[in-house]
């Protein structure tokens, strides 16, 4: 993997400044949305739907980049590429890696809410 951080603290601080009182809502929405996106990835995988898998990974990648989660975004990018190339045999491990990285990101983000 890469040496990218779980979260880009600078990007998150900027978001916090811009969002002000709405920052907690943004974080909670991202956490809920990300859990849903992981479920969509698993569902597409279960249905052997490479196109839906790729599109779900692409969409998740964008939200990860926006929130400042570079490692998670990179994992989603790899999953997106696997879906485009119809390499779903490898995708199960990718979704596991995405979920594990998301748990790290979620734990750190929850620290901002305390």
PDB file of N, CA and C in Angstrom:
ATOM      1  N   UNK A   1       0.850  -1.191   0.000  1.00  0.00           N
ATOM      2  CA  UNK A   1       0.000   0.000   0.000  1.00  0.00           C
ATOM      3  C   UNK A   1       0.880   1.232   0.000  1.00  0.00           C
ATOM      4  N   UNK A   2       0.367   2.323   0.268  1.00  0.00           N
ATOM      5  CA  UNK A   2       1.050   3.599   0.190  1.00  0.00           C
ATOM      6  C   UNK A   2       1.309   4.171   1.579  1.00  0.00           C
ATOM      7  N   UNK A   3       2.081   5.210   1.583  1.00  0.00           N
ATOM      8  CA  UNK A   3       2.371   5.864   2.855  1.00  0.00           C
ATOM      9  C   UNK A   3       1.416   7.029   3.106  1.00  0.00           C
ATOM     10  N   UNK A   4       0.337   7.065   2.383  1.00  0.00           N
ATOM     11  CA  UNK A   4      -0.663   8.118   2.585  1.00  0.00           C
ATOM     12  C   UNK A   4      -1.305   7.948   3.957  1.00  0.00           C
ATOM     13  N   UNK A   5      -1.665   9.059   4.588  1.00  0.00           N
ATOM     14  CA  UNK A   5      -2.298   8.972   5.914  1.00  0.00           C
ATOM     15  C   UNK A   5      -3.748   8.483   5.797  1.00  0.00           C
ATOM     16  N   UNK A   6      -4.262   8.017   6.929  1.00  0.00           N
ATOM     17  CA  UNK A   6      -5.680   7.641   6.951  1.00  0.00           C
ATOM     18  C   UNK A   6      -6.528   8.875   6.644  1.00  0.00           C
ATOM     19  N   UNK A   7      -6.161   9.987   7.267  1.00  0.00           N
ATOM     20  CA  UNK A   7      -6.878  11.243   7.050  1.00  0.00           C
ATOM     21  C   UNK A   7      -5.888  12.375   6.838  1.00  0.00           C
ATOM     22  N   UNK A   8      -6.235  13.256   5.933  1.00  0.00           N
ATOM     23  CA  UNK A   8      -5.446  14.454   5.682  1.00  0.00           C
ATOM     24  C   UNK A   8      -5.922  15.506   6.687  1.00  0.00           C
ATOM     25  N   UNK A   9      -5.132  15.668   7.737  1.00  0.00           N
ATOM     26  CA  UNK A   9      -5.533  16.561   8.832  1.00  0.00           C
ATOM     27  C   UNK A   9      -5.728  18.002   8.350  1.00  0.00           C
ATOM     28  N   UNK A  10      -4.894  18.427   7.424  1.00  0.00           N
ATOM     29  CA  UNK A  10      -4.994  19.802   6.906  1.00  0.00           C
ATOM     30  C   UNK A  10      -6.316  19.993   6.156  1.00  0.00           C
ATOM     31  N   UNK A  11      -6.651  19.041   5.293  1.00  0.00           N
ATOM     32  CA  UNK A  11      -7.909  19.126   4.545  1.00  0.00           C
ATOM     33  C   UNK A  11      -9.106  19.095   5.490  1.00  0.00           C
ATOM     34  N   UNK A  12      -9.011  18.262   6.518  1.00  0.00           N
ATOM     35  CA  UNK A  12     -10.096  18.164   7.490  1.00  0.00           C
ATOM     36  C   UNK A  12     -10.246  19.466   8.285  1.00  0.00           C
ATOM     37  N   UNK A  13      -9.129  20.075   8.645  1.00  0.00           N
ATOM     38  CA  UNK A  13      -9.173  21.348   9.369  1.00  0.00           C
ATOM     39  C   UNK A  13      -9.813  22.431   8.500  1.00  0.00           C
ATOM     40  N   UNK A  14      -9.498  22.426   7.213  1.00  0.00           N
ATOM     41  CA  UNK A  14     -10.108  23.393   6.292  1.00  0.00           C
ATOM     42  C   UNK A  14     -11.617  23.173   6.199  1.00  0.00           C
ATOM     43  N   UNK A  15     -12.007  21.899   6.101  1.00  0.00           N
ATOM     44  CA  UNK A  15     -13.434  21.580   6.056  1.00  0.00           C
ATOM     45  C   UNK A  15     -14.128  22.060   7.324  1.00  0.00           C
ATOM     46  N   UNK A  16     -13.462  21.849   8.457  1.00  0.00           N
ATOM     47  CA  UNK A  16     -14.030  22.256   9.732  1.00  0.00           C
ATOM     48  C   UNK A  16     -14.227  23.774   9.776  1.00  0.00           C
ATOM     49  N   UNK A  17     -13.246  24.505   9.253  1.00  0.00           N
ATOM     50  CA  UNK A  17     -13.359  25.967   9.206  1.00  0.00           C
ATOM     51  C   UNK A  17     -14.507  26.408   8.307  1.00  0.00           C
ATOM     52  N   UNK A  18     -14.607  25.795   7.150  1.00  0.00           N
ATOM     53  CA  UNK A  18     -15.637  26.171   6.176  1.00  0.00           C
ATOM     54  C   UNK A  18     -17.037  25.780   6.656  1.00  0.00           C
ATOM     55  N   UNK A  19     -17.144  24.573   7.190  1.00  0.00           N
ATOM     56  CA  UNK A  19     -18.458  24.044   7.569  1.00  0.00           C
ATOM     57  C   UNK A  19     -18.952  24.578   8.916  1.00  0.00           C
ATOM     58  N   UNK A  20     -18.038  25.009   9.757  1.00  0.00           N
ATOM     59  CA  UNK A  20     -18.369  25.527  11.084  1.00  0.00           C
ATOM     60  C   UNK A  20     -19.328  24.604  11.828  1.00  0.00           C
ATOM     61  N   UNK A  21     -20.527  25.082  12.155  1.00  0.00           N
ATOM     62  CA  UNK A  21     -21.479  24.304  12.952  1.00  0.00           C
ATOM     63  C   UNK A  21     -22.026  23.079  12.220  1.00  0.00           C
ATOM     64  N   UNK A  22     -21.877  23.058  10.903  1.00  0.00           N
ATOM     65  CA  UNK A  22     -22.382  21.933  10.099  1.00  0.00           C
ATOM     66  C   UNK A  22     -21.366  20.801   9.983  1.00  0.00           C
ATOM     67  N   UNK A  23     -20.175  20.980  10.539  1.00  0.00           N
ATOM     68  CA  UNK A  23     -19.105  19.992  10.403  1.00  0.00           C
ATOM     69  C   UNK A  23     -19.512  18.628  10.970  1.00  0.00           C
ATOM     70  N   UNK A  24     -20.134  18.621  12.153  1.00  0.00           N
ATOM     71  CA  UNK A  24     -20.567  17.355  12.760  1.00  0.00           C
ATOM     72  C   UNK A  24     -21.569  16.624  11.863  1.00  0.00           C
ATOM     73  N   UNK A  25     -22.459  17.391  11.250  1.00  0.00           N
ATOM     74  CA  UNK A  25     -23.447  16.797  10.342  1.00  0.00           C
ATOM     75  C   UNK A  25     -22.732  16.173   9.141  1.00  0.00           C
ATOM     76  N   UNK A  26     -21.755  16.894   8.604  1.00  0.00           N
ATOM     77  CA  UNK A  26     -20.978  16.380   7.470  1.00  0.00           C
ATOM     78  C   UNK A  26     -20.299  15.062   7.826  1.00  0.00           C
ATOM     79  N   UNK A  27     -19.656  15.016   8.978  1.00  0.00           N
ATOM     80  CA  UNK A  27     -18.934  13.803   9.408  1.00  0.00           C
ATOM     81  C   UNK A  27     -19.907  12.652   9.603  1.00  0.00           C
ATOM     82  N   UNK A  28     -21.009  12.905  10.307  1.00  0.00           N
ATOM     83  CA  UNK A  28     -21.997  11.844  10.534  1.00  0.00           C
ATOM     84  C   UNK A  28     -22.602  11.350   9.229  1.00  0.00           C
ATOM     85  N   UNK A  29     -22.862  12.259   8.311  1.00  0.00           N
ATOM     86  CA  UNK A  29     -23.406  11.880   7.001  1.00  0.00           C
ATOM     87  C   UNK A  29     -22.396  11.036   6.229  1.00  0.00           C
ATOM     88  N   UNK A  30     -21.134  11.442   6.249  1.00  0.00           N
ATOM     89  CA  UNK A  30     -20.087  10.682   5.560  1.00  0.00           C
ATOM     90  C   UNK A  30     -19.979   9.271   6.131  1.00  0.00           C
ATOM     91  N   UNK A  31     -20.005   9.149   7.445  1.00  0.00           N
ATOM     92  CA  UNK A  31     -19.884   7.827   8.081  1.00  0.00           C
ATOM     93  C   UNK A  31     -21.052   6.932   7.673  1.00  0.00           C
ATOM     94  N   UNK A  32     -22.266   7.454   7.747  1.00  0.00           N
ATOM     95  CA  UNK A  32     -23.455   6.668   7.372  1.00  0.00           C
ATOM     96  C   UNK A  32     -23.413   6.320   5.889  1.00  0.00           C
ATOM     97  N   UNK A  33     -23.109   7.306   5.067  1.00  0.00           N
ATOM     98  CA  UNK A  33     -23.054   7.110   3.625  1.00  0.00           C
ATOM     99  C   UNK A  33     -21.986   6.066   3.257  1.00  0.00           C
ATOM    100  N   UNK A  34     -20.863   6.123   3.926  1.00  0.00           N
ATOM    101  CA  UNK A  34     -19.775   5.181   3.628  1.00  0.00           C
ATOM    102  C   UNK A  34     -20.170   3.747   3.966  1.00  0.00           C
ATOM    103  N   UNK A  35     -20.857   3.565   5.072  1.00  0.00           N
ATOM    104  CA  UNK A  35     -21.341   2.223   5.422  1.00  0.00           C
ATOM    105  C   UNK A  35     -22.286   1.701   4.341  1.00  0.00           C
ATOM    106  N   UNK A  36     -23.153   2.588   3.851  1.00  0.00           N
ATOM    107  CA  UNK A  36     -24.071   2.205   2.769  1.00  0.00           C
ATOM    108  C   UNK A  36     -23.294   1.858   1.495  1.00  0.00           C
ATOM    109  N   UNK A  37     -22.268   2.629   1.197  1.00  0.00           N
ATOM    110  CA  UNK A  37     -21.482   2.395  -0.013  1.00  0.00           C
ATOM    111  C   UNK A  37     -20.754   1.053   0.049  1.00  0.00           C
ATOM    112  N   UNK A  38     -20.261   0.704   1.221  1.00  0.00           N
ATOM    113  CA  UNK A  38     -19.602  -0.595   1.382  1.00  0.00           C
ATOM    114  C   UNK A  38     -20.616  -1.717   1.152  1.00  0.00           C
ATOM    115  N   UNK A  39     -21.820  -1.538   1.673  1.00  0.00           N
ATOM    116  CA  UNK A  39     -22.881  -2.532   1.447  1.00  0.00           C
ATOM    117  C   UNK A  39     -23.205  -2.644  -0.040  1.00  0.00           C
ATOM    118  N   UNK A  40     -23.215  -1.519  -0.757  1.00  0.00           N
ATOM    119  CA  UNK A  40     -23.479  -1.537  -2.203  1.00  0.00           C
ATOM    120  C   UNK A  40     -22.359  -2.276  -2.943  1.00  0.00           C
ATOM    121  N   UNK A  41     -21.122  -2.059  -2.514  1.00  0.00           N
ATOM    122  CA  UNK A  41     -20.003  -2.776  -3.137  1.00  0.00           C
ATOM    123  C   UNK A  41     -20.169  -4.281  -2.945  1.00  0.00           C
ATOM    124  N   UNK A  42     -20.507  -4.685  -1.730  1.00  0.00           N
ATOM    125  CA  UNK A  42     -20.686  -6.121  -1.450  1.00  0.00           C
ATOM    126  C   UNK A  42     -21.858  -6.692  -2.252  1.00  0.00           C
ATOM    127  N   UNK A  43     -22.927  -5.926  -2.353  1.00  0.00           N
ATOM    128  CA  UNK A  43     -24.094  -6.372  -3.110  1.00  0.00           C
ATOM    129  C   UNK A  43     -23.743  -6.553  -4.590  1.00  0.00           C
ATOM    130  N   UNK A  44     -23.043  -5.594  -5.160  1.00  0.00           N
ATOM    131  CA  UNK A  44     -22.641  -5.702  -6.571  1.00  0.00           C
ATOM    132  C   UNK A  44     -21.728  -6.910  -6.769  1.00  0.00           C
ATOM    133  N   UNK A  45     -20.872  -7.133  -5.814  1.00  0.00           N
ATOM    134  CA  UNK A  45     -19.961  -8.276  -5.877  1.00  0.00           C
ATOM    135  C   UNK A  45     -20.744  -9.583  -5.805  1.00  0.00           C
ATOM    136  N   UNK A  46     -21.697  -9.651  -4.869  1.00  0.00           N
ATOM    137  CA  UNK A  46     -22.528 -10.854  -4.720  1.00  0.00           C
ATOM    138  C   UNK A  46     -23.315 -11.159  -5.985  1.00  0.00           C
ATOM    139  N   UNK A  47     -23.702 -10.102  -6.699  1.00  0.00           N
ATOM    140  CA  UNK A  47     -24.486 -10.277  -7.923  1.00  0.00           C
ATOM    141  C   UNK A  47     -23.610 -10.359  -9.165  1.00  0.00           C
ATOM    142  N   UNK A  48     -22.292 -10.368  -8.937  1.00  0.00           N
ATOM    143  CA  UNK A  48     -21.330 -10.458 -10.039  1.00  0.00           C
ATOM    144  C   UNK A  48     -21.563  -9.363 -11.082  1.00  0.00           C
ATOM    145  N   UNK A  49     -21.840  -8.157 -10.578  1.00  0.00           N
ATOM    146  CA  UNK A  49     -22.152  -7.009 -11.439  1.00  0.00           C
ATOM    147  C   UNK A  49     -20.943  -6.070 -11.461  1.00  0.00           C
ATOM    148  N   UNK A  50     -20.037  -6.302 -12.388  1.00  0.00           N
ATOM    149  CA  UNK A  50     -18.784  -5.542 -12.463  1.00  0.00           C
ATOM    150  C   UNK A  50     -19.038  -4.063 -12.726  1.00  0.00           C
ATOM    151  N   UNK A  51     -20.012  -3.747 -13.569  1.00  0.00           N
ATOM    152  CA  UNK A  51     -20.296  -2.354 -13.891  1.00  0.00           C
ATOM    153  C   UNK A  51     -20.793  -1.603 -12.656  1.00  0.00           C
ATOM    154  N   UNK A  52     -21.742  -2.180 -11.948  1.00  0.00           N
ATOM    155  CA  UNK A  52     -22.264  -1.547 -10.727  1.00  0.00           C
ATOM    156  C   UNK A  52     -21.167  -1.448  -9.663  1.00  0.00           C
ATOM    157  N   UNK A  53     -20.335  -2.482  -9.574  1.00  0.00           N
ATOM    158  CA  UNK A  53     -19.226  -2.471  -8.622  1.00  0.00           C
ATOM    159  C   UNK A  53     -18.289  -1.304  -8.927  1.00  0.00           C
ATOM    160  N   UNK A  54     -17.933  -1.154 -10.195  1.00  0.00           N
ATOM    161  CA  UNK A  54     -17.039  -0.082 -10.607  1.00  0.00           C
ATOM    162  C   UNK A  54     -17.645   1.291 -10.313  1.00  0.00           C
ATOM    163  N   UNK A  55     -18.909   1.465 -10.640  1.00  0.00           N
ATOM    164  CA  UNK A  55     -19.577   2.748 -10.408  1.00  0.00           C
ATOM    165  C   UNK A  55     -19.698   3.059  -8.921  1.00  0.00           C
ATOM    166  N   UNK A  56     -19.986   2.046  -8.119  1.00  0.00           N
ATOM    167  CA  UNK A  56     -20.071   2.247  -6.670  1.00  0.00           C
ATOM    168  C   UNK A  56     -18.717   2.633  -6.091  1.00  0.00           C
ATOM    169  N   UNK A  57     -17.675   1.974  -6.548  1.00  0.00           N
ATOM    170  CA  UNK A  57     -16.324   2.281  -6.073  1.00  0.00           C
ATOM    171  C   UNK A  57     -15.922   3.695  -6.498  1.00  0.00           C
ATOM    172  N   UNK A  58     -16.289   4.075  -7.714  1.00  0.00           N
ATOM    173  CA  UNK A  58     -15.975   5.415  -8.214  1.00  0.00           C
ATOM    174  C   UNK A  58     -16.646   6.489  -7.352  1.00  0.00           C
ATOM    175  N   UNK A  59     -17.900   6.283  -7.068  1.00  0.00           N
ATOM    176  CA  UNK A  59     -18.658   7.233  -6.264  1.00  0.00           C
ATOM    177  C   UNK A  59     -18.082   7.338  -4.847  1.00  0.00           C
ATOM    178  N   UNK A  60     -17.750   6.192  -4.262  1.00  0.00           N
ATOM    179  CA  UNK A  60     -17.169   6.163  -2.924  1.00  0.00           C
ATOM    180  C   UNK A  60     -15.815   6.871  -2.920  1.00  0.00           C
ATOM    181  N   UNK A  61     -15.044   6.664  -3.980  1.00  0.00           N
ATOM    182  CA  UNK A  61     -13.732   7.315  -4.100  1.00  0.00           C
ATOM    183  C   UNK A  61     -13.880   8.827  -3.995  1.00  0.00           C
ATOM    184  N   UNK A  62     -14.859   9.373  -4.689  1.00  0.00           N
ATOM    185  CA  UNK A  62     -15.073  10.816  -4.663  1.00  0.00           C
ATOM    186  C   UNK A  62     -15.385  11.341  -3.274  1.00  0.00           C
ATOM    187  N   UNK A  63     -16.235  10.650  -2.547  1.00  0.00           N
ATOM    188  CA  UNK A  63     -16.570  11.132  -1.205  1.00  0.00           C
ATOM    189  C   UNK A  63     -15.377  11.006  -0.260  1.00  0.00           C
ATOM    190  N   UNK A  64     -14.543   9.991  -0.470  1.00  0.00           N
ATOM    191  CA  UNK A  64     -13.337   9.829   0.358  1.00  0.00           C
ATOM    192  C   UNK A  64     -12.354  10.965   0.112  1.00  0.00           C
ATOM    193  N   UNK A  65     -12.192  11.311  -1.133  1.00  0.00           N
ATOM    194  CA  UNK A  65     -11.284  12.405  -1.482  1.00  0.00           C
ATOM    195  C   UNK A  65     -11.810  13.724  -0.902  1.00  0.00           C
ATOM    196  N   UNK A  66     -13.118  13.934  -0.995  1.00  0.00           N
ATOM    197  CA  UNK A  66     -13.717  15.167  -0.487  1.00  0.00           C
ATOM    198  C   UNK A  66     -13.563  15.316   1.024  1.00  0.00           C
ATOM    199  N   UNK A  67     -13.641  14.218   1.744  1.00  0.00           N
ATOM    200  CA  UNK A  67     -13.548  14.292   3.202  1.00  0.00           C
ATOM    201  C   UNK A  67     -12.085  14.305   3.656  1.00  0.00           C
ATOM    202  N   UNK A  68     -11.168  13.945   2.771  1.00  0.00           N
ATOM    203  CA  UNK A  68      -9.747  13.945   3.127  1.00  0.00           C
ATOM    204  C   UNK A  68      -9.260  12.595   3.623  1.00  0.00           C
ATOM    205  N   UNK A  69      -9.727  11.514   2.991  1.00  0.00           N
ATOM    206  CA  UNK A  69      -9.308  10.152   3.352  1.00  0.00           C
ATOM    207  C   UNK A  69      -8.553   9.538   2.165  1.00  0.00           C
ATOM    208  N   UNK A  70      -7.263   9.912   1.986  1.00  0.00           N
ATOM    209  CA  UNK A  70      -6.531   9.513   0.777  1.00  0.00           C
ATOM    210  C   UNK A  70      -6.299   8.009   0.620  1.00  0.00           C
ATOM    211  N   UNK A  71      -6.011   7.308   1.700  1.00  0.00           N
ATOM    212  CA  UNK A  71      -5.806   5.849   1.570  1.00  0.00           C
ATOM    213  C   UNK A  71      -7.084   5.159   1.125  1.00  0.00           C
ATOM    214  N   UNK A  72      -8.170   5.545   1.737  1.00  0.00           N
ATOM    215  CA  UNK A  72      -9.461   4.954   1.388  1.00  0.00           C
ATOM    216  C   UNK A  72      -9.817   5.279  -0.057  1.00  0.00           C
ATOM    217  N   UNK A  73      -9.552   6.511  -0.474  1.00  0.00           N
ATOM    218  CA  UNK A  73      -9.791   6.894  -1.861  1.00  0.00           C
ATOM    219  C   UNK A  73      -8.968   6.066  -2.829  1.00  0.00           C
ATOM    220  N   UNK A  74      -7.724   5.791  -2.462  1.00  0.00           N
ATOM    221  CA  UNK A  74      -6.860   4.987  -3.322  1.00  0.00           C
ATOM    222  C   UNK A  74      -7.360   3.542  -3.420  1.00  0.00           C
ATOM    223  N   UNK A  75      -7.805   2.990  -2.301  1.00  0.00           N
ATOM    224  CA  UNK A  75      -8.368   1.630  -2.325  1.00  0.00           C
ATOM    225  C   UNK A  75      -9.613   1.578  -3.205  1.00  0.00           C
ATOM    226  N   UNK A  76     -10.445   2.602  -3.114  1.00  0.00           N
ATOM    227  CA  UNK A  76     -11.650   2.657  -3.957  1.00  0.00           C
ATOM    228  C   UNK A  76     -11.281   2.780  -5.427  1.00  0.00           C
ATOM    229  N   UNK A  77     -10.224   3.523  -5.710  1.00  0.00           N
ATOM    230  CA  UNK A  77      -9.751   3.663  -7.087  1.00  0.00           C
ATOM    231  C   UNK A  77      -9.296   2.311  -7.642  1.00  0.00           C
ATOM    232  N   UNK A  78      -8.595   1.545  -6.818  1.00  0.00           N
ATOM    233  CA  UNK A  78      -8.158   0.206  -7.244  1.00  0.00           C
ATOM    234  C   UNK A  78      -9.361  -0.703  -7.478  1.00  0.00           C
ATOM    235  N   UNK A  79     -10.373  -0.594  -6.613  1.00  0.00           N
ATOM    236  CA  UNK A  79     -11.587  -1.398  -6.779  1.00  0.00           C
ATOM    237  C   UNK A  79     -12.343  -0.980  -8.036  1.00  0.00           C
ATOM    238  N   UNK A  80     -12.399   0.313  -8.275  1.00  0.00           N
ATOM    239  CA  UNK A  80     -13.058   0.816  -9.489  1.00  0.00           C
ATOM    240  C   UNK A  80     -12.398   0.222 -10.735  1.00  0.00           C
ATOM    241  N   UNK A  81     -11.088   0.237 -10.747  1.00  0.00           N
ATOM    242  CA  UNK A  81     -10.350  -0.302 -11.893  1.00  0.00           C
ATOM    243  C   UNK A  81     -10.610  -1.799 -12.052  1.00  0.00           C
ATOM    244  N   UNK A  82     -10.639  -2.524 -10.946  1.00  0.00           N
ATOM    245  CA  UNK A  82     -10.918  -3.963 -11.008  1.00  0.00           C
ATOM    246  C   UNK A  82     -12.304  -4.215 -11.596  1.00  0.00           C
ATOM    247  N   UNK A  83     -13.274  -3.400 -11.207  1.00  0.00           N
ATOM    248  CA  UNK A  83     -14.620  -3.544 -11.755  1.00  0.00           C
ATOM    249  C   UNK A  83     -14.656  -3.259 -13.246  1.00  0.00           C
ATOM    250  N   UNK A  84     -13.981  -2.173 -13.650  1.00  0.00           N
ATOM    251  CA  UNK A  84     -13.936  -1.833 -15.082  1.00  0.00           C
ATOM    252  C   UNK A  84     -13.297  -2.946 -15.898  1.00  0.00           C
ATOM    253  N   UNK A  85     -12.306  -3.604 -15.302  1.00  0.00           N
ATOM    254  CA  UNK A  85     -11.586  -4.671 -16.011  1.00  0.00           C
ATOM    255  C   UNK A  85     -12.202  -6.045 -15.755  1.00  0.00           C
ATOM    256  N   UNK A  86     -13.366  -6.056 -15.097  1.00  0.00           N
ATOM    257  CA  UNK A  86     -14.095  -7.289 -14.810  1.00  0.00           C
ATOM    258  C   UNK A  86     -13.236  -8.303 -14.041  1.00  0.00           C
ATOM    259  N   UNK A  87     -12.476  -7.803 -13.068  1.00  0.00           N
ATOM    260  CA  UNK A  87     -11.640  -8.663 -12.227  1.00  0.00           C
ATOM    261  C   UNK A  87     -12.285  -8.818 -10.854  1.00  0.00           C
ATOM    262  N   UNK A  88     -13.505  -9.292 -10.831  1.00  0.00           N
ATOM    263  CA  UNK A  88     -14.233  -9.389  -9.567  1.00  0.00           C
ATOM    264  C   UNK A  88     -13.704 -10.502  -8.667  1.00  0.00           C
ATOM    265  N   UNK A  89     -12.915 -11.411  -9.217  1.00  0.00           N
ATOM    266  CA  UNK A  89     -12.318 -12.463  -8.390  1.00  0.00           C
ATOM    267  C   UNK A  89     -11.443 -11.837  -7.303  1.00  0.00           C
ATOM    268  N   UNK A  90     -10.772 -10.740  -7.640  1.00  0.00           N
ATOM    269  CA  UNK A  90      -9.896 -10.038  -6.697  1.00  0.00           C
ATOM    270  C   UNK A  90     -10.669  -9.070  -5.816  1.00  0.00           C
ATOM    271  N   UNK A  91     -11.877  -8.754  -6.183  1.00  0.00           N
ATOM    272  CA  UNK A  91     -12.606  -7.649  -5.563  1.00  0.00           C
ATOM    273  C   UNK A  91     -13.033  -7.916  -4.125  1.00  0.00           C
ATOM    274  N   UNK A  92     -13.258  -9.161  -3.763  1.00  0.00           N
ATOM    275  CA  UNK A  92     -13.648  -9.463  -2.383  1.00  0.00           C
ATOM    276  C   UNK A  92     -12.605  -8.991  -1.389  1.00  0.00           C
ATOM    277  N   UNK A  93     -11.352  -9.284  -1.685  1.00  0.00           N
ATOM    278  CA  UNK A  93     -10.260  -8.829  -0.810  1.00  0.00           C
ATOM    279  C   UNK A  93     -10.161  -7.313  -0.817  1.00  0.00           C
ATOM    280  N   UNK A  94     -10.457  -6.704  -1.958  1.00  0.00           N
ATOM    281  CA  UNK A  94     -10.426  -5.236  -2.044  1.00  0.00           C
ATOM    282  C   UNK A  94     -11.502  -4.619  -1.158  1.00  0.00           C
ATOM    283  N   UNK A  95     -12.691  -5.184  -1.175  1.00  0.00           N
ATOM    284  CA  UNK A  95     -13.771  -4.660  -0.337  1.00  0.00           C
ATOM    285  C   UNK A  95     -13.421  -4.844   1.139  1.00  0.00           C
ATOM    286  N   UNK A  96     -12.805  -5.965   1.481  1.00  0.00           N
ATOM    287  CA  UNK A  96     -12.357  -6.162   2.865  1.00  0.00           C
ATOM    288  C   UNK A  96     -11.353  -5.085   3.265  1.00  0.00           C
ATOM    289  N   UNK A  97     -10.415  -4.778   2.369  1.00  0.00           N
ATOM    290  CA  UNK A  97      -9.412  -3.742   2.641  1.00  0.00           C
ATOM    291  C   UNK A  97     -10.082  -2.372   2.766  1.00  0.00           C
ATOM    292  N   UNK A  98     -11.056  -2.104   1.909  1.00  0.00           N
ATOM    293  CA  UNK A  98     -11.803  -0.842   1.982  1.00  0.00           C
ATOM    294  C   UNK A  98     -12.518  -0.742   3.324  1.00  0.00           C
ATOM    295  N   UNK A  99     -13.163  -1.815   3.726  1.00  0.00           N
ATOM    296  CA  UNK A  99     -13.898  -1.795   4.991  1.00  0.00           C
ATOM    297  C   UNK A  99     -12.950  -1.612   6.179  1.00  0.00           C
ATOM    298  N   UNK A 100     -11.825  -2.279   6.161  1.00  0.00           N
ATOM    299  CA  UNK A 100     -10.846  -2.130   7.247  1.00  0.00           C
ATOM    300  C   UNK A 100     -10.311  -0.704   7.317  1.00  0.00           C
ATOM    301  N   UNK A 101      -9.996  -0.128   6.167  1.00  0.00           N
ATOM    302  CA  UNK A 101      -9.502   1.247   6.144  1.00  0.00           C
ATOM    303  C   UNK A 101     -10.595   2.205   6.586  1.00  0.00           C
ATOM    304  N   UNK A 102     -11.819   1.953   6.163  1.00  0.00           N
ATOM    305  CA  UNK A 102     -12.922   2.806   6.586  1.00  0.00           C
ATOM    306  C   UNK A 102     -13.056   2.796   8.101  1.00  0.00           C
ATOM    307  N   UNK A 103     -12.898   1.656   8.733  1.00  0.00           N
ATOM    308  CA  UNK A 103     -12.997   1.579  10.205  1.00  0.00           C
ATOM    309  C   UNK A 103     -11.946   2.480  10.859  1.00  0.00           C
ATOM    310  N   UNK A 104     -10.743   2.514  10.288  1.00  0.00           N
ATOM    311  CA  UNK A 104      -9.692   3.410  10.797  1.00  0.00           C
ATOM    312  C   UNK A 104     -10.118   4.873  10.632  1.00  0.00           C
ATOM    313  N   UNK A 105     -10.599   5.192   9.461  1.00  0.00           N
ATOM    314  CA  UNK A 105     -11.041   6.564   9.165  1.00  0.00           C
ATOM    315  C   UNK A 105     -12.200   6.948  10.085  1.00  0.00           C
ATOM    316  N   UNK A 106     -13.152   6.056  10.216  1.00  0.00           N
ATOM    317  CA  UNK A 106     -14.326   6.322  11.055  1.00  0.00           C
ATOM    318  C   UNK A 106     -13.909   6.606  12.503  1.00  0.00           C
ATOM    319  N   UNK A 107     -13.022   5.789  13.021  1.00  0.00           N
ATOM    320  CA  UNK A 107     -12.565   5.967  14.402  1.00  0.00           C
ATOM    321  C   UNK A 107     -11.919   7.350  14.587  1.00  0.00           C
ATOM    322  N   UNK A 108     -11.086   7.738  13.636  1.00  0.00           N
ATOM    323  CA  UNK A 108     -10.421   9.050  13.715  1.00  0.00           C
ATOM    324  C   UNK A 108     -11.437  10.171  13.578  1.00  0.00           C
ATOM    325  N   UNK A 109     -12.359  10.033  12.631  1.00  0.00           N
ATOM    326  CA  UNK A 109     -13.368  11.078  12.444  1.00  0.00           C
ATOM    327  C   UNK A 109     -14.254  11.240  13.677  1.00  0.00           C
ATOM    328  N   UNK A 110     -14.597  10.140  14.316  1.00  0.00           N
ATOM    329  CA  UNK A 110     -15.437  10.213  15.521  1.00  0.00           C
ATOM    330  C   UNK A 110     -14.736  11.009  16.620  1.00  0.00           C
ATOM    331  N   UNK A 111     -13.384  10.978  16.604  1.00  0.00           N
ATOM    332  CA  UNK A 111     -12.628  11.779  17.558  1.00  0.00           C
ATOM    333  C   UNK A 111     -12.860  13.267  17.378  1.00  0.00           C
ATOM    334  N   UNK A 112     -13.170  13.688  16.168  1.00  0.00           N
ATOM    335  CA  UNK A 112     -13.464  15.089  15.899  1.00  0.00           C
ATOM    336  C   UNK A 112     -14.834  15.489  16.445  1.00  0.00           C
ATOM    337  N   UNK A 113     -15.685  14.507  16.698  1.00  0.00           N
ATOM    338  CA  UNK A 113     -17.035  14.793  17.155  1.00  0.00           C
ATOM    339  C   UNK A 113     -17.135  14.901  18.664  1.00  0.00           C
ATOM    340  N   UNK A 114     -16.082  14.509  19.356  1.00  0.00           N
ATOM    341  CA  UNK A 114     -16.142  14.490  20.830  1.00  0.00           C
ATOM    342  C   UNK A 114     -15.844  15.828  21.434  1.00  0.00           C
TER     343      UNK A 114
END
